[in-house]
Amino acid sequence: MTISFDHTLDKLELGEMGTNIHKTSRKFWYRYCYHFSHVKNIISILEDGRLLSRNKAILENKMSQDNASEKIIEQTDSLYKNYVRLYVRPKTPTQYHNEGFKTEKQLAISQLNAQCSIPIFLDIHKLLTHPDTSFTDRSLALSAPYKIYSTPEEFNNLPFKKIYHDGALNEAEKREIIGHRQAEINFSESLQ
């Protein structure tokens, strides 16, 4: 049998592939991929009808408010700043730290000093079959080695139990699972 992206997504939604999320979340988590940005940037995204990579948004003066932590951006390989980066799942560690409208005082005392107030949900079926799509099993911001994938077979073999893990973690599990919670779908420079 030929494996397709839709085949894997259907198996995930039906609970036929092991994950660690509750059955009620399955109906929604697997249908979308997720992008988070500051509300000021959302205006530009909606007006232009496209998402841009960090570098392209800066070059075109489209990032009116940086929504990422400078600390995390500094450790991200510069090559990946040329990618439009979406998350495979919601409730990522980045979303946990950055989402919400924060006062200046809240930003000053936060660990990452970042604000990213509005999530955007995109249909994952359409994006995975886009000819420019690649994906990872963990965050590209990590210093640990990672691989970039592109085929339906590779997608089918991602560690979904780690990617969709949604429970508490002990100290040993944190190192293994947190990076996978930020698995990405990536595009070069822009996505319309």
N, C-alpha and C. Protein backbone atom coordinates (compact mmCIF):
# COMPACT_ATOMS: atom_id res chain seq x y z
N MET A 1 0.83 -1.19 0.00
CA MET A 1 0.00 0.00 0.00
C MET A 1 0.88 1.25 0.00
N THR A 2 0.51 2.22 -0.81
CA THR A 2 1.24 3.49 -0.87
C THR A 2 0.81 4.36 0.30
N ILE A 3 1.78 4.92 0.98
CA ILE A 3 1.50 5.81 2.10
C ILE A 3 1.40 7.23 1.57
N SER A 4 0.35 7.93 2.00
CA SER A 4 0.18 9.34 1.64
C SER A 4 0.08 10.16 2.92
N PHE A 5 0.21 11.47 2.78
CA PHE A 5 0.04 12.34 3.94
C PHE A 5 -1.36 12.18 4.51
N ASP A 6 -2.37 12.14 3.64
CA ASP A 6 -3.76 12.00 4.09
C ASP A 6 -3.98 10.69 4.84
N HIS A 7 -3.35 9.63 4.36
CA HIS A 7 -3.47 8.32 5.02
C HIS A 7 -2.97 8.42 6.46
N THR A 8 -1.81 9.02 6.65
CA THR A 8 -1.24 9.16 8.00
C THR A 8 -2.11 10.06 8.86
N LEU A 9 -2.56 11.20 8.32
CA LEU A 9 -3.41 12.11 9.09
C LEU A 9 -4.73 11.44 9.47
N ASP A 10 -5.30 10.67 8.57
CA ASP A 10 -6.54 9.94 8.88
C ASP A 10 -6.31 8.93 10.00
N LYS A 11 -5.19 8.21 9.94
CA LYS A 11 -4.88 7.24 11.00
C LYS A 11 -4.68 7.93 12.35
N LEU A 12 -4.06 9.09 12.34
CA LEU A 12 -3.89 9.84 13.57
C LEU A 12 -5.24 10.27 14.14
N GLU A 13 -6.09 10.81 13.28
CA GLU A 13 -7.40 11.29 13.73
C GLU A 13 -8.28 10.16 14.25
N LEU A 14 -8.17 9.00 13.65
CA LEU A 14 -8.97 7.85 14.08
C LEU A 14 -8.39 7.14 15.30
N GLY A 15 -7.20 7.54 15.73
CA GLY A 15 -6.56 6.91 16.88
C GLY A 15 -5.87 5.61 16.54
N GLU A 16 -5.59 5.38 15.26
CA GLU A 16 -4.95 4.14 14.84
C GLU A 16 -3.42 4.22 14.92
N MET A 17 -2.89 5.39 15.18
CA MET A 17 -1.46 5.57 15.42
C MET A 17 -1.31 6.11 16.83
N GLY A 18 -0.33 5.62 17.54
CA GLY A 18 -0.15 6.01 18.93
C GLY A 18 0.25 7.46 19.10
N THR A 19 -0.51 8.16 19.91
CA THR A 19 -0.16 9.52 20.34
C THR A 19 -0.52 9.61 21.81
N ASN A 20 -0.22 10.72 22.39
CA ASN A 20 -0.51 10.92 23.81
C ASN A 20 -1.50 12.05 24.04
N ILE A 21 -2.40 12.25 23.09
CA ILE A 21 -3.40 13.29 23.33
C ILE A 21 -4.77 12.66 23.53
N HIS A 22 -5.60 13.37 24.24
CA HIS A 22 -6.94 12.88 24.56
C HIS A 22 -7.77 12.77 23.29
N LYS A 23 -8.65 11.80 23.28
CA LYS A 23 -9.49 11.50 22.12
C LYS A 23 -10.26 12.73 21.62
N THR A 24 -10.74 13.58 22.51
CA THR A 24 -11.51 14.75 22.07
C THR A 24 -10.66 15.77 21.34
N SER A 25 -9.37 15.82 21.64
CA SER A 25 -8.47 16.75 20.94
C SER A 25 -8.13 16.25 19.55
N ARG A 26 -8.22 14.95 19.33
CA ARG A 26 -7.83 14.36 18.05
C ARG A 26 -8.58 14.95 16.87
N LYS A 27 -9.82 15.31 17.05
CA LYS A 27 -10.63 15.84 15.95
C LYS A 27 -10.06 17.15 15.42
N PHE A 28 -9.33 17.88 16.24
CA PHE A 28 -8.88 19.20 15.84
C PHE A 28 -7.37 19.30 15.63
N TRP A 29 -6.59 18.69 16.47
CA TRP A 29 -5.14 18.86 16.41
C TRP A 29 -4.55 18.40 15.09
N TYR A 30 -5.06 17.33 14.52
CA TYR A 30 -4.46 16.75 13.32
C TYR A 30 -4.92 17.42 12.03
N ARG A 31 -5.93 18.23 12.08
CA ARG A 31 -6.45 18.89 10.87
C ARG A 31 -5.68 20.14 10.49
N TYR A 32 -4.90 20.67 11.40
CA TYR A 32 -4.27 21.96 11.18
C TYR A 32 -2.78 21.92 11.51
N CYS A 33 -2.08 22.94 11.01
CA CYS A 33 -0.77 23.27 11.52
C CYS A 33 -0.88 24.71 12.01
N TYR A 34 0.10 25.18 12.75
CA TYR A 34 -0.09 26.37 13.54
C TYR A 34 1.06 27.36 13.37
N HIS A 35 0.69 28.62 13.23
CA HIS A 35 1.66 29.72 13.16
C HIS A 35 1.23 30.75 14.20
N PHE A 36 2.18 31.30 14.92
CA PHE A 36 1.88 32.30 15.93
C PHE A 36 2.60 33.59 15.60
N SER A 37 1.93 34.70 15.78
CA SER A 37 2.57 35.99 15.53
C SER A 37 1.93 37.06 16.40
N HIS A 38 2.63 38.16 16.53
CA HIS A 38 2.11 39.32 17.26
C HIS A 38 0.92 39.88 16.48
N VAL A 39 -0.04 40.41 17.17
CA VAL A 39 -1.25 40.93 16.54
C VAL A 39 -0.93 42.01 15.50
N LYS A 40 0.10 42.81 15.71
CA LYS A 40 0.47 43.84 14.74
C LYS A 40 0.95 43.20 13.43
N ASN A 41 1.60 42.05 13.51
CA ASN A 41 2.06 41.36 12.31
C ASN A 41 0.90 40.67 11.58
N ILE A 42 -0.12 40.27 12.32
CA ILE A 42 -1.27 39.59 11.72
C ILE A 42 -1.94 40.51 10.69
N ILE A 43 -1.97 41.79 10.98
CA ILE A 43 -2.57 42.74 10.04
C ILE A 43 -1.88 42.65 8.68
N SER A 44 -0.57 42.67 8.69
CA SER A 44 0.21 42.58 7.45
C SER A 44 -0.01 41.23 6.75
N ILE A 45 -0.06 40.15 7.53
CA ILE A 45 -0.28 38.81 6.97
C ILE A 45 -1.63 38.76 6.26
N LEU A 46 -2.65 39.30 6.89
CA LEU A 46 -3.99 39.28 6.31
C LEU A 46 -4.09 40.20 5.09
N GLU A 47 -3.48 41.37 5.16
CA GLU A 47 -3.52 42.30 4.03
C GLU A 47 -2.77 41.75 2.82
N ASP A 48 -1.60 41.14 3.05
CA ASP A 48 -0.78 40.62 1.95
C ASP A 48 -1.20 39.23 1.50
N GLY A 49 -1.91 38.51 2.37
CA GLY A 49 -2.32 37.15 2.03
C GLY A 49 -1.17 36.16 1.98
N ARG A 50 -0.12 36.41 2.77
CA ARG A 50 1.03 35.50 2.76
C ARG A 50 1.78 35.55 4.09
N LEU A 51 2.38 34.43 4.41
CA LEU A 51 3.29 34.34 5.55
C LEU A 51 4.70 34.44 4.99
N LEU A 52 5.58 35.13 5.71
CA LEU A 52 6.95 35.31 5.26
C LEU A 52 7.93 34.71 6.26
N SER A 53 9.09 34.33 5.76
CA SER A 53 10.16 33.91 6.66
C SER A 53 10.59 35.11 7.49
N ARG A 54 11.28 34.86 8.58
CA ARG A 54 11.79 35.94 9.42
C ARG A 54 12.65 36.90 8.58
N ASN A 55 13.60 36.37 7.82
CA ASN A 55 14.49 37.23 7.05
C ASN A 55 13.75 38.04 5.99
N LYS A 56 12.79 37.42 5.30
CA LYS A 56 12.05 38.12 4.25
C LYS A 56 11.14 39.20 4.88
N ALA A 57 10.53 38.88 6.01
CA ALA A 57 9.67 39.86 6.69
C ALA A 57 10.48 41.08 7.14
N ILE A 58 11.68 40.85 7.62
CA ILE A 58 12.54 41.96 8.03
C ILE A 58 12.97 42.76 6.80
N LEU A 59 13.39 42.06 5.75
CA LEU A 59 13.84 42.71 4.51
C LEU A 59 12.74 43.58 3.90
N GLU A 60 11.50 43.08 3.91
CA GLU A 60 10.37 43.82 3.33
C GLU A 60 9.69 44.74 4.33
N ASN A 61 10.26 44.85 5.52
CA ASN A 61 9.71 45.71 6.58
C ASN A 61 8.27 45.33 6.93
N LYS A 62 8.01 44.03 6.99
CA LYS A 62 6.66 43.53 7.31
C LYS A 62 6.53 43.08 8.76
N MET A 63 7.63 43.01 9.50
CA MET A 63 7.56 42.58 10.89
C MET A 63 7.56 43.83 11.77
N SER A 64 6.36 44.32 12.06
CA SER A 64 6.27 45.54 12.85
C SER A 64 6.56 45.28 14.32
N GLN A 65 6.39 44.04 14.77
CA GLN A 65 6.64 43.68 16.17
C GLN A 65 7.26 42.30 16.19
N ASP A 66 8.47 42.20 16.72
CA ASP A 66 9.11 40.88 16.82
C ASP A 66 8.41 40.09 17.90
N ASN A 67 8.02 38.87 17.58
CA ASN A 67 7.29 38.06 18.54
C ASN A 67 8.12 36.90 19.07
N ALA A 68 9.37 36.84 18.72
CA ALA A 68 10.22 35.73 19.17
C ALA A 68 11.22 36.22 20.21
N SER A 69 11.68 35.29 20.98
CA SER A 69 12.70 35.59 21.97
C SER A 69 14.05 35.78 21.29
N GLU A 70 14.71 36.87 21.60
CA GLU A 70 16.04 37.14 21.03
C GLU A 70 17.00 36.00 21.39
N LYS A 71 16.86 35.49 22.58
CA LYS A 71 17.71 34.38 23.05
C LYS A 71 17.55 33.15 22.15
N ILE A 72 16.33 32.81 21.79
CA ILE A 72 16.07 31.65 20.94
C ILE A 72 16.50 31.93 19.50
N ILE A 73 16.23 33.12 19.01
CA ILE A 73 16.62 33.48 17.64
C ILE A 73 18.13 33.41 17.48
N GLU A 74 18.88 33.86 18.47
CA GLU A 74 20.34 33.83 18.39
C GLU A 74 20.89 32.42 18.23
N GLN A 75 20.23 31.45 18.82
CA GLN A 75 20.73 30.07 18.74
C GLN A 75 20.21 29.31 17.53
N THR A 76 19.32 29.91 16.74
CA THR A 76 18.77 29.27 15.55
C THR A 76 19.71 29.49 14.36
N ASP A 77 20.02 28.43 13.66
CA ASP A 77 20.87 28.50 12.47
C ASP A 77 20.29 29.52 11.51
N SER A 78 21.13 30.41 10.98
CA SER A 78 20.66 31.49 10.10
C SER A 78 19.94 30.97 8.86
N LEU A 79 20.30 29.79 8.38
CA LEU A 79 19.62 29.20 7.22
C LEU A 79 18.12 29.07 7.47
N TYR A 80 17.72 28.68 8.68
CA TYR A 80 16.31 28.44 8.98
C TYR A 80 15.52 29.72 9.20
N LYS A 81 16.19 30.85 9.24
CA LYS A 81 15.49 32.13 9.30
C LYS A 81 14.96 32.51 7.92
N ASN A 82 15.32 31.72 6.90
CA ASN A 82 14.79 31.90 5.54
C ASN A 82 13.56 31.04 5.30
N TYR A 83 13.09 30.33 6.31
CA TYR A 83 11.92 29.45 6.19
C TYR A 83 10.70 30.07 6.85
N VAL A 84 9.54 29.88 6.25
CA VAL A 84 8.27 30.09 6.94
C VAL A 84 8.12 28.85 7.80
N ARG A 85 7.99 29.04 9.10
CA ARG A 85 7.97 27.89 10.02
C ARG A 85 6.62 27.81 10.73
N LEU A 86 5.98 26.66 10.59
CA LEU A 86 4.69 26.38 11.22
C LEU A 86 4.87 25.19 12.16
N TYR A 87 4.06 25.11 13.18
CA TYR A 87 4.12 23.97 14.09
C TYR A 87 3.11 22.90 13.69
N VAL A 88 3.47 21.65 13.91
CA VAL A 88 2.60 20.52 13.62
C VAL A 88 1.43 20.49 14.61
N ARG A 89 1.64 20.98 15.80
CA ARG A 89 0.61 20.91 16.85
C ARG A 89 0.44 22.25 17.56
N PRO A 90 -0.69 22.42 18.25
CA PRO A 90 -0.85 23.60 19.12
C PRO A 90 -0.20 23.30 20.47
N LYS A 91 -0.29 24.27 21.36
CA LYS A 91 0.21 24.09 22.73
C LYS A 91 1.68 23.70 22.76
N THR A 92 2.48 24.39 21.95
CA THR A 92 3.92 24.16 21.94
C THR A 92 4.56 24.91 23.11
N PRO A 93 5.79 24.57 23.46
CA PRO A 93 6.49 25.37 24.47
C PRO A 93 6.59 26.85 24.08
N THR A 94 6.79 27.13 22.80
CA THR A 94 6.84 28.53 22.35
C THR A 94 5.51 29.22 22.62
N GLN A 95 4.43 28.57 22.29
CA GLN A 95 3.11 29.16 22.54
C GLN A 95 2.90 29.38 24.03
N TYR A 96 3.32 28.42 24.84
CA TYR A 96 3.16 28.54 26.30
C TYR A 96 3.84 29.80 26.82
N HIS A 97 5.06 30.06 26.35
CA HIS A 97 5.82 31.20 26.85
C HIS A 97 5.41 32.53 26.21
N ASN A 98 4.97 32.50 24.96
CA ASN A 98 4.79 33.75 24.23
C ASN A 98 3.36 34.20 24.03
N GLU A 99 2.40 33.29 24.03
CA GLU A 99 1.04 33.67 23.66
C GLU A 99 0.40 34.56 24.71
N GLY A 100 -0.37 35.51 24.24
CA GLY A 100 -1.14 36.38 25.12
C GLY A 100 -0.72 37.83 25.00
N PHE A 101 -1.59 38.69 25.44
CA PHE A 101 -1.28 40.12 25.47
C PHE A 101 -0.61 40.38 26.81
N LYS A 102 0.61 40.89 26.77
CA LYS A 102 1.38 41.08 27.99
C LYS A 102 1.71 42.56 28.19
N THR A 103 1.70 42.96 29.44
CA THR A 103 2.09 44.32 29.76
C THR A 103 3.62 44.43 29.67
N GLU A 104 4.12 45.65 29.65
CA GLU A 104 5.58 45.86 29.63
C GLU A 104 6.23 45.20 30.85
N LYS A 105 5.57 45.29 31.99
CA LYS A 105 6.11 44.69 33.22
C LYS A 105 6.16 43.16 33.09
N GLN A 106 5.11 42.54 32.55
CA GLN A 106 5.10 41.09 32.35
C GLN A 106 6.20 40.66 31.39
N LEU A 107 6.41 41.42 30.33
CA LEU A 107 7.47 41.09 29.38
C LEU A 107 8.84 41.20 30.03
N ALA A 108 9.02 42.21 30.86
CA ALA A 108 10.31 42.43 31.50
C ALA A 108 10.69 41.30 32.46
N ILE A 109 9.71 40.69 33.11
CA ILE A 109 10.04 39.63 34.07
C ILE A 109 9.92 38.22 33.48
N SER A 110 9.48 38.12 32.22
CA SER A 110 9.36 36.79 31.62
C SER A 110 10.73 36.23 31.28
N GLN A 111 10.80 34.92 31.16
CA GLN A 111 12.06 34.25 30.84
C GLN A 111 12.58 34.61 29.46
N LEU A 112 11.69 34.78 28.50
CA LEU A 112 12.11 34.95 27.11
C LEU A 112 11.84 36.33 26.54
N ASN A 113 11.11 37.18 27.29
CA ASN A 113 10.80 38.53 26.84
C ASN A 113 10.23 38.53 25.41
N ALA A 114 9.25 37.69 25.17
CA ALA A 114 8.64 37.59 23.85
C ALA A 114 7.12 37.60 23.98
N GLN A 115 6.47 38.11 22.95
CA GLN A 115 5.00 38.18 22.95
C GLN A 115 4.48 37.80 21.57
N CYS A 116 3.54 36.90 21.58
CA CYS A 116 3.02 36.35 20.33
C CYS A 116 1.56 36.05 20.58
N SER A 117 0.72 37.01 20.27
CA SER A 117 -0.62 36.96 20.84
C SER A 117 -1.66 36.16 20.10
N ILE A 118 -1.52 35.92 18.81
CA ILE A 118 -2.62 35.29 18.07
C ILE A 118 -2.14 34.09 17.26
N PRO A 119 -2.72 32.92 17.51
CA PRO A 119 -2.36 31.77 16.66
C PRO A 119 -3.16 31.80 15.35
N ILE A 120 -2.54 31.33 14.28
CA ILE A 120 -3.20 31.18 12.99
C ILE A 120 -3.23 29.69 12.69
N PHE A 121 -4.39 29.18 12.30
CA PHE A 121 -4.51 27.75 11.99
C PHE A 121 -4.67 27.57 10.50
N LEU A 122 -3.87 26.69 9.92
CA LEU A 122 -3.90 26.42 8.49
C LEU A 122 -4.18 24.94 8.26
N ASP A 123 -4.83 24.64 7.16
CA ASP A 123 -5.18 23.26 6.82
C ASP A 123 -3.92 22.46 6.52
N ILE A 124 -3.63 21.49 7.35
CA ILE A 124 -2.39 20.74 7.23
C ILE A 124 -2.37 19.86 5.97
N HIS A 125 -3.53 19.36 5.53
CA HIS A 125 -3.59 18.51 4.33
C HIS A 125 -3.02 19.25 3.12
N LYS A 126 -3.48 20.47 2.92
CA LYS A 126 -3.04 21.26 1.76
C LYS A 126 -1.55 21.61 1.85
N LEU A 127 -1.10 21.93 3.04
CA LEU A 127 0.29 22.35 3.19
C LEU A 127 1.29 21.20 3.03
N LEU A 128 0.94 20.04 3.52
CA LEU A 128 1.86 18.91 3.39
C LEU A 128 2.07 18.50 1.95
N THR A 129 1.07 18.69 1.11
CA THR A 129 1.20 18.30 -0.29
C THR A 129 1.73 19.42 -1.18
N HIS A 130 1.99 20.58 -0.62
CA HIS A 130 2.59 21.69 -1.37
C HIS A 130 4.00 21.26 -1.82
N PRO A 131 4.39 21.55 -3.05
CA PRO A 131 5.69 21.08 -3.56
C PRO A 131 6.91 21.62 -2.81
N ASP A 132 6.76 22.71 -2.06
CA ASP A 132 7.88 23.32 -1.35
C ASP A 132 7.92 22.92 0.13
N THR A 133 7.12 21.94 0.53
CA THR A 133 7.00 21.58 1.94
C THR A 133 8.14 20.69 2.40
N SER A 134 8.65 20.99 3.58
CA SER A 134 9.52 20.08 4.31
C SER A 134 9.03 20.08 5.75
N PHE A 135 9.51 19.15 6.55
CA PHE A 135 9.09 19.09 7.94
C PHE A 135 10.17 18.45 8.79
N THR A 136 10.03 18.63 10.09
CA THR A 136 11.00 18.09 11.04
C THR A 136 10.26 17.34 12.13
N ASP A 137 11.01 16.60 12.91
CA ASP A 137 10.41 15.91 14.06
C ASP A 137 10.64 16.68 15.35
N ARG A 138 11.27 17.85 15.25
CA ARG A 138 11.56 18.69 16.41
C ARG A 138 11.83 20.12 15.95
N SER A 139 12.04 21.02 16.89
CA SER A 139 12.28 22.43 16.57
C SER A 139 13.61 22.63 15.86
N LEU A 140 13.62 23.49 14.86
CA LEU A 140 14.86 23.88 14.20
C LEU A 140 15.68 24.85 15.06
N ALA A 141 15.11 25.35 16.14
CA ALA A 141 15.84 26.26 17.02
C ALA A 141 16.75 25.50 17.99
N LEU A 142 16.63 24.20 18.04
CA LEU A 142 17.47 23.42 18.94
C LEU A 142 18.87 23.27 18.38
N SER A 143 19.83 23.14 19.27
CA SER A 143 21.20 22.93 18.82
C SER A 143 21.47 21.45 18.54
N ALA A 144 20.59 20.58 19.00
CA ALA A 144 20.76 19.15 18.77
C ALA A 144 20.63 18.84 17.28
N PRO A 145 21.25 17.79 16.80
CA PRO A 145 21.11 17.45 15.37
C PRO A 145 19.67 17.08 15.03
N TYR A 146 19.23 17.49 13.88
CA TYR A 146 17.90 17.16 13.38
C TYR A 146 17.99 16.94 11.90
N LYS A 147 16.95 16.36 11.35
CA LYS A 147 16.91 16.09 9.93
C LYS A 147 15.66 16.74 9.35
N ILE A 148 15.76 17.18 8.12
CA ILE A 148 14.61 17.76 7.43
C ILE A 148 14.06 16.70 6.48
N TYR A 149 12.75 16.48 6.54
CA TYR A 149 12.08 15.45 5.78
C TYR A 149 11.13 16.07 4.75
N SER A 150 10.68 15.24 3.79
CA SER A 150 9.73 15.77 2.81
C SER A 150 8.75 14.74 2.25
N THR A 151 8.95 13.46 2.50
CA THR A 151 8.09 12.45 1.86
C THR A 151 6.96 11.97 2.78
N PRO A 152 5.88 11.45 2.21
CA PRO A 152 4.80 10.90 3.03
C PRO A 152 5.28 9.74 3.92
N GLU A 153 6.22 8.94 3.42
CA GLU A 153 6.74 7.83 4.22
C GLU A 153 7.49 8.35 5.45
N GLU A 154 8.27 9.41 5.26
CA GLU A 154 8.99 10.00 6.40
C GLU A 154 8.01 10.62 7.39
N PHE A 155 6.98 11.26 6.89
CA PHE A 155 5.96 11.83 7.77
C PHE A 155 5.29 10.73 8.59
N ASN A 156 4.98 9.63 7.94
CA ASN A 156 4.34 8.49 8.60
C ASN A 156 5.20 7.94 9.75
N ASN A 157 6.51 8.10 9.65
CA ASN A 157 7.43 7.55 10.64
C ASN A 157 7.87 8.55 11.71
N LEU A 158 7.29 9.74 11.73
CA LEU A 158 7.63 10.71 12.77
C LEU A 158 7.23 10.15 14.15
N PRO A 159 7.91 10.55 15.21
CA PRO A 159 7.59 10.07 16.55
C PRO A 159 6.37 10.79 17.14
N PHE A 160 5.20 10.42 16.65
CA PHE A 160 3.98 11.14 17.04
C PHE A 160 3.67 11.06 18.53
N LYS A 161 4.09 9.98 19.20
CA LYS A 161 3.87 9.92 20.66
C LYS A 161 4.61 11.03 21.38
N LYS A 162 5.75 11.43 20.85
CA LYS A 162 6.50 12.53 21.44
C LYS A 162 5.98 13.88 20.94
N ILE A 163 5.69 13.97 19.66
CA ILE A 163 5.20 15.23 19.08
C ILE A 163 3.88 15.65 19.73
N TYR A 164 2.96 14.72 19.88
CA TYR A 164 1.63 15.04 20.42
C TYR A 164 1.52 14.77 21.91
N HIS A 165 2.62 14.54 22.59
CA HIS A 165 2.59 14.31 24.04
C HIS A 165 1.97 15.53 24.70
N ASP A 166 1.01 15.31 25.57
CA ASP A 166 0.27 16.43 26.14
C ASP A 166 0.11 16.33 27.65
N GLY A 167 0.95 15.58 28.29
CA GLY A 167 0.84 15.45 29.74
C GLY A 167 2.03 16.06 30.44
N ALA A 168 2.04 15.90 31.76
CA ALA A 168 3.17 16.38 32.56
C ALA A 168 4.41 15.56 32.23
N LEU A 169 5.56 16.16 32.46
CA LEU A 169 6.84 15.50 32.17
C LEU A 169 7.72 15.52 33.40
N ASN A 170 8.41 14.40 33.64
CA ASN A 170 9.43 14.43 34.69
C ASN A 170 10.72 14.97 34.06
N GLU A 171 11.75 15.18 34.86
CA GLU A 171 12.99 15.81 34.36
C GLU A 171 13.63 15.02 33.23
N ALA A 172 13.64 13.71 33.31
CA ALA A 172 14.24 12.87 32.26
C ALA A 172 13.47 12.98 30.95
N GLU A 173 12.16 13.07 31.03
CA GLU A 173 11.32 13.16 29.82
C GLU A 173 11.42 14.53 29.14
N LYS A 174 11.67 15.57 29.92
CA LYS A 174 11.69 16.94 29.36
C LYS A 174 12.68 17.05 28.22
N ARG A 175 13.92 16.58 28.41
CA ARG A 175 14.92 16.68 27.36
C ARG A 175 14.52 15.92 26.11
N GLU A 176 13.86 14.80 26.29
CA GLU A 176 13.50 13.94 25.17
C GLU A 176 12.27 14.45 24.41
N ILE A 177 11.31 15.02 25.11
CA ILE A 177 10.01 15.30 24.50
C ILE A 177 9.78 16.76 24.13
N ILE A 178 10.26 17.72 24.90
CA ILE A 178 9.92 19.13 24.66
C ILE A 178 10.28 19.58 23.25
N GLY A 179 11.45 19.23 22.75
CA GLY A 179 11.83 19.62 21.39
C GLY A 179 10.90 19.04 20.34
N HIS A 180 10.41 17.80 20.57
CA HIS A 180 9.49 17.17 19.63
C HIS A 180 8.12 17.85 19.64
N ARG A 181 7.73 18.45 20.75
CA ARG A 181 6.45 19.17 20.80
C ARG A 181 6.46 20.37 19.86
N GLN A 182 7.63 20.72 19.35
CA GLN A 182 7.75 21.84 18.43
C GLN A 182 8.15 21.37 17.03
N ALA A 183 7.70 20.18 16.65
CA ALA A 183 7.93 19.69 15.28
C ALA A 183 7.37 20.72 14.32
N GLU A 184 8.04 20.90 13.17
CA GLU A 184 7.71 21.99 12.26
C GLU A 184 7.36 21.52 10.85
N ILE A 185 6.58 22.36 10.17
CA ILE A 185 6.37 22.27 8.73
C ILE A 185 6.94 23.57 8.17
N ASN A 186 7.79 23.45 7.15
CA ASN A 186 8.56 24.60 6.68
C ASN A 186 8.41 24.84 5.19
N PHE A 187 8.53 26.12 4.80
CA PHE A 187 8.47 26.55 3.41
C PHE A 187 9.57 27.58 3.19
N SER A 188 10.11 27.64 1.99
CA SER A 188 11.14 28.63 1.67
C SER A 188 10.52 30.02 1.50
N GLU A 189 10.97 30.95 2.25
CA GLU A 189 10.71 32.39 2.17
C GLU A 189 9.27 32.86 2.32
N SER A 190 8.30 32.31 1.56
CA SER A 190 6.94 32.80 1.71
C SER A 190 5.93 31.70 1.41
N LEU A 191 4.74 31.89 1.94
CA LEU A 191 3.64 30.95 1.75
C LEU A 191 2.38 31.77 1.52
N GLN A 192 1.73 31.54 0.35
CA GLN A 192 0.50 32.28 0.03
C GLN A 192 -0.69 31.38 0.12
